[in-house]
């Protein structure tokens, strides 16, 4: 089971409050504004700033 589309519609980056999108490998949620990627573990998004990594441009 993956992250539901309904959940994706309401999730936002906790840092800049921008919407997040599913990464290509479906293992994380990426904020397009600040480039943080929040992991998805056991089909649950971990939206903690300390758990996120920042991708290069």
Protein backbone atom coordinates (compact mmCIF):
# COMPACT_ATOMS: atom_id res chain seq x y z
CA UNK A 1 0.00 0.00 0.00
CA UNK A 2 1.38 3.40 -0.96
CA UNK A 3 0.64 6.88 0.32
CA UNK A 4 -2.90 7.72 -0.71
CA UNK A 5 -3.58 10.56 -3.16
CA UNK A 6 -5.93 12.14 -0.60
CA UNK A 7 -3.12 12.31 1.95
CA UNK A 8 -0.71 13.76 -0.61
CA UNK A 9 -3.19 16.57 -1.28
CA UNK A 10 -3.12 17.78 2.33
CA UNK A 11 0.53 17.21 3.28
CA UNK A 12 2.86 20.20 3.31
CA UNK A 13 6.50 20.80 4.16
CA UNK A 14 6.73 21.69 7.87
CA UNK A 15 9.51 24.22 7.16
CA UNK A 16 8.07 26.38 4.37
CA UNK A 17 4.45 25.09 4.23
CA UNK A 18 4.76 24.33 0.49
CA UNK A 19 3.08 21.25 -1.02
CA UNK A 20 5.13 18.05 -1.28
CA UNK A 21 5.25 15.59 -4.18
CA UNK A 22 6.10 11.92 -4.30
CA UNK A 23 9.67 11.20 -5.43
CA UNK A 24 10.28 9.13 -8.57
CA UNK A 25 11.28 6.09 -6.52
CA UNK A 26 8.21 6.51 -4.26
CA UNK A 27 10.43 6.38 -1.17
CA UNK A 28 9.99 9.99 -0.12
CA UNK A 29 8.11 13.26 -0.38
CA UNK A 30 9.92 16.24 -1.89
CA UNK A 31 9.29 19.90 -1.24
CA UNK A 32 9.85 21.82 -4.47
CA UNK A 33 10.47 25.08 -2.61
CA UNK A 34 13.21 24.12 -0.09
CA UNK A 35 14.26 20.80 -1.72
CA UNK A 36 13.85 18.76 1.46
CA UNK A 37 12.96 15.11 0.98
CA UNK A 38 11.00 13.47 3.77
CA UNK A 39 11.25 9.66 3.94
CA UNK A 40 8.34 7.25 3.72
CA UNK A 41 8.71 4.30 6.08
CA UNK A 42 6.22 1.44 6.13
CA UNK A 43 3.89 3.54 3.95
CA UNK A 44 3.91 6.36 6.53
CA UNK A 45 5.41 9.76 5.63
CA UNK A 46 7.91 10.93 8.25
CA UNK A 47 7.41 14.69 8.12
CA UNK A 48 10.06 15.58 10.71
CA UNK A 49 12.66 18.20 9.79
CA UNK A 50 15.43 16.20 11.49
CA UNK A 51 14.62 13.18 9.30
CA UNK A 52 14.63 15.08 5.99
CA UNK A 53 17.58 15.38 3.66
CA UNK A 54 18.20 18.31 1.35
CA UNK A 55 18.69 17.48 -2.33
CA UNK A 56 20.93 19.51 -4.57
CA UNK A 57 19.33 21.47 -7.39
